[in-house]
Protein backbone atom coordinates (compact mmCIF):
# COMPACT_ATOMS: atom_id res chain seq x y z
CA UNK A 1 -89.61 36.28 9.94
CA UNK A 2 -88.33 33.04 8.40
CA UNK A 3 -91.01 30.69 7.08
CA UNK A 4 -91.13 27.32 8.82
CA UNK A 5 -91.72 24.73 6.10
CA UNK A 6 -94.03 21.98 7.42
CA UNK A 7 -93.07 18.56 6.06
CA UNK A 8 -95.68 16.31 7.64
CA UNK A 9 -98.44 16.28 10.25
CA UNK A 10 -97.60 13.31 12.48
CA UNK A 11 -100.81 13.39 14.52
CA UNK A 12 -101.40 13.98 18.25
CA UNK A 13 -100.33 17.59 17.82
CA UNK A 14 -96.88 16.63 16.44
CA UNK A 15 -95.62 18.31 13.27
CA UNK A 16 -92.39 17.71 11.36
CA UNK A 17 -90.84 20.74 9.69
CA UNK A 18 -87.55 22.06 8.35
CA UNK A 19 -85.25 24.14 10.50
CA UNK A 20 -84.54 27.86 10.19
CA UNK A 21 -81.88 30.13 11.69
CA UNK A 22 -84.43 31.18 14.30
CA UNK A 23 -84.31 27.65 15.73
CA UNK A 24 -80.64 27.90 16.68
CA UNK A 25 -80.98 28.47 20.43
CA UNK A 26 -83.88 26.09 21.02
CA UNK A 27 -82.40 23.31 18.89
CA UNK A 28 -78.97 23.77 20.48
CA UNK A 29 -80.53 23.39 23.92
CA UNK A 30 -82.45 20.29 22.79
CA UNK A 31 -79.39 18.59 21.26
CA UNK A 32 -77.25 19.49 24.27
CA UNK A 33 -79.78 17.84 26.58
CA UNK A 34 -80.27 14.73 24.44
CA UNK A 35 -76.68 14.10 23.28
CA UNK A 36 -74.43 15.65 25.92
CA UNK A 37 -72.56 13.12 28.08
CA UNK A 38 -71.61 15.72 30.71
CA UNK A 39 -72.06 19.50 31.07
CA UNK A 40 -68.98 20.39 29.01
CA UNK A 41 -69.88 17.92 26.27
CA UNK A 42 -73.46 19.19 26.24
CA UNK A 43 -72.24 22.74 25.73
CA UNK A 44 -70.00 21.61 22.85
CA UNK A 45 -72.88 19.77 21.17
CA UNK A 46 -75.00 22.90 21.46
CA UNK A 47 -72.26 24.98 19.85
CA UNK A 48 -72.03 22.46 16.99
CA UNK A 49 -75.77 22.86 16.42
CA UNK A 50 -75.50 26.66 16.34
CA UNK A 51 -72.59 26.48 13.91
CA UNK A 52 -74.60 24.29 11.54
CA UNK A 53 -77.49 26.76 11.65
CA UNK A 54 -75.24 29.78 11.07
CA UNK A 55 -75.14 29.24 7.29
CA UNK A 56 -71.33 29.10 7.24
CA UNK A 57 -70.93 25.40 6.48
CA UNK A 58 -70.01 24.86 2.79
CA UNK A 59 -72.32 21.85 2.29
CA UNK A 60 -75.03 22.33 4.93
CA UNK A 61 -78.04 24.63 4.71
CA UNK A 62 -79.87 26.24 7.61
CA UNK A 63 -82.95 24.18 6.66
CA UNK A 64 -81.15 20.80 6.65
CA UNK A 65 -82.44 19.78 10.08
CA UNK A 66 -85.78 18.08 10.47
CA UNK A 67 -87.60 19.16 13.63
CA UNK A 68 -90.59 17.52 15.27
CA UNK A 69 -92.54 19.99 17.39
CA UNK A 70 -95.35 19.37 19.82
CA UNK A 71 -97.86 22.07 18.91
CA UNK A 72 -99.53 21.65 22.31
CA UNK A 73 -96.42 22.73 24.22
CA UNK A 74 -94.37 24.39 21.48
CA UNK A 75 -91.41 22.18 22.43
CA UNK A 76 -88.94 20.48 20.10
CA UNK A 77 -89.29 16.76 20.83
CA UNK A 78 -87.21 15.11 18.10
CA UNK A 79 -84.70 16.13 15.45
CA UNK A 80 -81.96 15.02 13.07
CA UNK A 81 -80.13 16.46 10.08
CA UNK A 82 -78.48 15.51 6.79
CA UNK A 83 -74.95 16.71 6.01
CA UNK A 84 -73.91 16.30 2.37
CA UNK A 85 -70.37 15.15 1.72
CA UNK A 86 -68.23 13.87 -1.13
CA UNK A 87 -66.26 10.67 -0.67
CA UNK A 88 -64.04 8.80 -3.12
CA UNK A 89 -63.66 5.11 -3.94
CA UNK A 90 -60.19 4.47 -5.38
CA UNK A 91 -60.12 8.14 -6.38
CA UNK A 92 -63.60 8.17 -7.96
CA UNK A 93 -65.80 10.76 -6.18
CA UNK A 94 -69.41 10.11 -5.20
CA UNK A 95 -72.02 11.87 -3.09
CA UNK A 96 -72.77 10.79 0.47
CA UNK A 97 -75.51 11.87 2.86
CA UNK A 98 -74.56 11.88 6.55
CA UNK A 99 -77.48 11.79 9.01
CA UNK A 100 -76.35 13.33 12.29
CA UNK A 101 -77.64 14.49 15.68
CA UNK A 102 -80.47 11.96 15.67
CA UNK A 103 -82.38 12.24 18.92
CA UNK A 104 -85.79 12.18 20.58
CA UNK A 105 -87.00 13.34 23.97
CA UNK A 106 -87.43 10.24 26.19
CA UNK A 107 -91.11 11.07 26.71
CA UNK A 108 -91.76 10.86 22.95
CA UNK A 109 -89.84 7.73 22.03
CA UNK A 110 -91.33 4.61 20.44
CA UNK A 111 -93.71 6.71 18.33
CA UNK A 112 -91.89 6.33 15.00
CA UNK A 113 -90.62 9.92 14.99
CA UNK A 114 -87.07 8.99 13.99
CA UNK A 115 -88.30 6.66 11.26
CA UNK A 116 -90.47 9.43 9.80
CA UNK A 117 -87.49 11.80 9.75
CA UNK A 118 -85.20 9.21 8.15
CA UNK A 119 -87.70 8.82 5.34
CA UNK A 120 -87.46 12.55 4.68
CA UNK A 121 -83.66 12.64 4.98
CA UNK A 122 -83.28 9.71 2.59
CA UNK A 123 -85.48 11.50 0.06
CA UNK A 124 -83.41 14.67 0.40
CA UNK A 125 -80.27 12.61 -0.20
CA UNK A 126 -81.82 10.97 -3.27
CA UNK A 127 -82.79 14.36 -4.68
CA UNK A 128 -79.19 15.55 -4.22
CA UNK A 129 -77.93 12.61 -6.28
CA UNK A 130 -76.07 11.01 -3.37
CA UNK A 131 -75.25 7.34 -3.93
CA UNK A 132 -75.41 6.31 -0.28
CA UNK A 133 -76.08 7.41 3.26
CA UNK A 134 -73.58 6.74 6.03
CA UNK A 135 -74.16 7.05 9.75
CA UNK A 136 -72.06 6.59 12.87
CA UNK A 137 -73.85 5.84 16.10
CA UNK A 138 -75.38 3.09 18.20
CA UNK A 139 -74.30 -0.30 16.80
CA UNK A 140 -77.14 -2.20 15.14
CA UNK A 141 -79.77 0.42 16.05
CA UNK A 142 -79.83 1.91 12.55
CA UNK A 143 -80.33 -1.43 10.84
CA UNK A 144 -84.06 -0.84 11.26
CA UNK A 145 -83.75 2.13 8.90
CA UNK A 146 -81.89 0.22 6.19
CA UNK A 147 -78.27 0.57 7.34
CA UNK A 148 -75.66 -2.19 7.48
CA UNK A 149 -72.21 -2.25 9.03
CA UNK A 150 -69.83 -1.32 6.22
CA UNK A 151 -66.63 0.32 7.44
CA UNK A 152 -64.49 0.15 10.52
CA UNK A 153 -64.66 3.33 12.60
CA UNK A 154 -61.84 4.47 14.84
CA UNK A 155 -59.03 2.36 16.19
CA UNK A 156 -55.38 3.19 16.67
CA UNK A 157 -52.47 2.84 19.05
CA UNK A 158 -52.16 4.34 22.50
CA UNK A 159 -49.58 4.82 25.20
CA UNK A 160 -49.09 6.49 28.55
CA UNK A 161 -46.60 8.76 30.25
CA UNK A 162 -44.13 5.90 30.64
CA UNK A 163 -43.86 5.72 26.85
CA UNK A 164 -42.94 9.38 26.34
CA UNK A 165 -39.63 9.83 24.50
CA UNK A 166 -37.48 12.13 26.65
CA UNK A 167 -35.42 15.06 25.46
CA UNK A 168 -31.87 15.23 26.76
CA UNK A 169 -31.27 18.13 29.15
CA UNK A 170 -29.17 20.01 26.58
CA UNK A 171 -31.40 19.08 23.60
CA UNK A 172 -33.85 21.47 21.94
CA UNK A 173 -37.08 20.26 20.37
CA UNK A 174 -36.08 19.58 16.73
CA UNK A 175 -39.50 20.49 15.33
CA UNK A 176 -42.07 23.16 16.17
CA UNK A 177 -45.85 22.78 16.05
CA UNK A 178 -48.03 25.84 15.46
CA UNK A 179 -51.68 26.50 14.52
CA UNK A 180 -52.32 26.46 10.77
CA UNK A 181 -52.82 29.83 9.09
CA UNK A 182 -54.64 30.87 5.93
CA UNK A 183 -51.43 30.71 3.92
CA UNK A 184 -50.97 27.06 4.97
CA UNK A 185 -54.18 25.82 3.34
CA UNK A 186 -52.63 24.74 -0.01
CA UNK A 187 -49.80 22.91 1.82
CA UNK A 188 -52.13 21.06 4.21
CA UNK A 189 -54.57 20.21 1.42
CA UNK A 190 -51.79 18.85 -0.80
CA UNK A 191 -50.59 16.52 1.95
CA UNK A 192 -54.13 15.44 2.82
CA UNK A 193 -54.93 14.62 -0.81
CA UNK A 194 -51.73 12.61 -1.09
CA UNK A 195 -52.63 10.67 2.06
CA UNK A 196 -55.99 9.73 0.55
CA UNK A 197 -54.22 7.66 -2.08
CA UNK A 198 -53.35 5.14 0.64
CA UNK A 199 -57.02 4.44 1.36
CA UNK A 200 -59.60 2.70 -0.78
CA UNK A 201 -62.28 5.06 0.63
CA UNK A 202 -61.62 8.67 1.61
CA UNK A 203 -63.42 11.94 2.18
CA UNK A 204 -62.90 14.61 -0.48
CA UNK A 205 -61.88 17.96 1.00
CA UNK A 206 -61.24 21.27 -0.72
CA UNK A 207 -59.98 24.62 0.55
CA UNK A 208 -63.49 25.80 1.45
CA UNK A 209 -64.06 22.82 3.77
CA UNK A 210 -60.59 23.09 5.25
CA UNK A 211 -61.00 26.84 5.81
CA UNK A 212 -64.33 26.23 7.54
CA UNK A 213 -62.79 23.56 9.78
CA UNK A 214 -59.87 25.71 10.87
CA UNK A 215 -61.19 29.26 10.93
CA UNK A 216 -65.00 29.30 10.87
CA UNK A 217 -66.09 26.68 13.40
CA UNK A 218 -66.49 27.93 16.95
CA UNK A 219 -63.67 27.00 19.33
CA UNK A 220 -66.10 25.05 21.56
CA UNK A 221 -67.64 23.02 18.70
CA UNK A 222 -67.53 19.33 19.70
CA UNK A 223 -66.49 18.36 16.15
CA UNK A 224 -63.85 21.03 15.59
CA UNK A 225 -60.33 19.83 14.88
CA UNK A 226 -57.22 21.79 15.76
CA UNK A 227 -55.07 21.72 12.61
CA UNK A 228 -51.39 22.47 13.15
CA UNK A 229 -48.35 22.76 10.91
CA UNK A 230 -45.11 20.96 11.78
CA UNK A 231 -41.97 22.98 11.06
CA UNK A 232 -38.23 22.58 11.28
CA UNK A 233 -36.27 24.83 13.63
CA UNK A 234 -35.73 27.28 10.75
CA UNK A 235 -39.44 27.51 9.90
CA UNK A 236 -39.65 25.06 6.98
CA UNK A 237 -43.04 23.26 6.94
CA UNK A 238 -42.65 19.49 6.81
CA UNK A 239 -46.11 18.22 7.71
CA UNK A 240 -49.36 18.79 9.56
CA UNK A 241 -51.41 17.16 12.30
CA UNK A 242 -54.92 17.46 13.68
CA UNK A 243 -56.43 16.71 17.04
CA UNK A 244 -59.71 17.48 18.85
CA UNK A 245 -60.04 20.71 20.76
CA UNK A 246 -60.19 18.74 23.98
CA UNK A 247 -59.34 15.40 25.56
CA UNK A 248 -61.59 12.40 24.82
CA UNK A 249 -62.93 9.70 27.17
CA UNK A 250 -64.16 12.18 29.72
CA UNK A 251 -60.98 14.22 29.55
CA UNK A 252 -58.50 11.37 30.07
CA UNK A 253 -57.23 10.64 26.52
CA UNK A 254 -55.61 12.89 23.92
CA UNK A 255 -56.16 11.75 20.34
CA UNK A 256 -54.28 12.41 17.12
CA UNK A 257 -56.81 12.30 14.29
CA UNK A 258 -54.57 13.24 11.35
CA UNK A 259 -50.81 13.28 10.82
CA UNK A 260 -49.03 13.58 7.49
CA UNK A 261 -45.46 14.42 6.55
CA UNK A 262 -44.10 15.71 3.27
CA UNK A 263 -42.15 13.45 0.94
CA UNK A 264 -38.64 12.68 2.19
CA UNK A 265 -39.36 13.57 5.83
CA UNK A 266 -38.74 10.75 8.30
CA UNK A 267 -41.57 9.93 10.69
CA UNK A 268 -39.00 8.36 13.02
CA UNK A 269 -37.36 11.77 13.35
CA UNK A 270 -40.63 13.69 13.85
CA UNK A 271 -42.68 11.24 15.94
CA UNK A 272 -41.01 12.00 19.30
CA UNK A 273 -41.88 15.70 18.96
CA UNK A 274 -45.48 14.83 18.09
CA UNK A 275 -45.86 12.51 21.07
CA UNK A 276 -44.46 15.06 23.49
CA UNK A 277 -46.72 17.75 22.06
CA UNK A 278 -49.83 15.57 22.41
CA UNK A 279 -49.03 14.74 26.02
CA UNK A 280 -48.39 18.39 26.85
CA UNK A 281 -51.56 19.75 25.24
CA UNK A 282 -53.56 16.79 26.51
CA UNK A 283 -52.62 17.65 30.09
CA UNK A 284 -53.91 21.18 29.54
CA UNK A 285 -57.24 19.86 28.25
CA UNK A 286 -57.51 17.28 31.05
CA UNK A 287 -56.90 19.85 33.77
CA UNK A 288 -59.62 22.06 32.26
CA UNK A 289 -62.06 19.22 33.00
CA UNK A 290 -60.47 18.40 36.35
CA UNK A 291 -59.29 15.05 35.03
CA UNK A 292 -55.97 13.20 34.83
CA UNK A 293 -54.58 12.35 31.40
CA UNK A 294 -53.98 8.60 31.02
CA UNK A 295 -53.11 8.19 27.35
């Protein structure tokens, strides 16, 4: 049996401890209930939790969740985690701690449980030599734990069916899009690393992280990205793209989260194929949630 490392007695029968593999089902159910926006999203959040506790993630350990348990009921009532990453500033790498899946049962809020866990997570991050912690979440809420708005998150351009570039009746799609394979990892990584040079701040990826993203995450994981290779009609790879494994905004929007072409390849030539692909796959995802794709 795995030892449950107690971090702090919080009083009133509440104890904070580190996670173990044995917590996977209970913690997945807790996070699904607290963070899920609808039944499908809740299931995907639960799968993400199980994946993190599987031990497969290259930079996350099975004990990197904090868990607050009520010893009176045996229930998990609050939790969060710390995911270690490497970012780069103008090409100079530095360590980053990413708090994630921060949540508390409504009946246990306003007791300082999240604050107590942030104190532990910040200490873990300090011990790992990470220069900063970065969190995405409720605007302004995390200021009370020492966070300030620092980077823009998200944004982009959108369009609807009326904006789809049409193929002529006798025209074949000039490019093909297929799921990335193991042999594609060096190609995708090379293009990703080149794209990072356009940004002052970027995330540092290696083959282990890319392999985990493509091949080791569960299909239903809410944070899994579908990574695809773009090829010419004769099978020559010219770029890659990534998109979520489902439509966003309740199943009504299909997003492109990464798109990079090799040197000398025209985006004006490839873009129409990409847009048609996104609309086609987005419709599949929307129908799976009984929704209509809007953009």
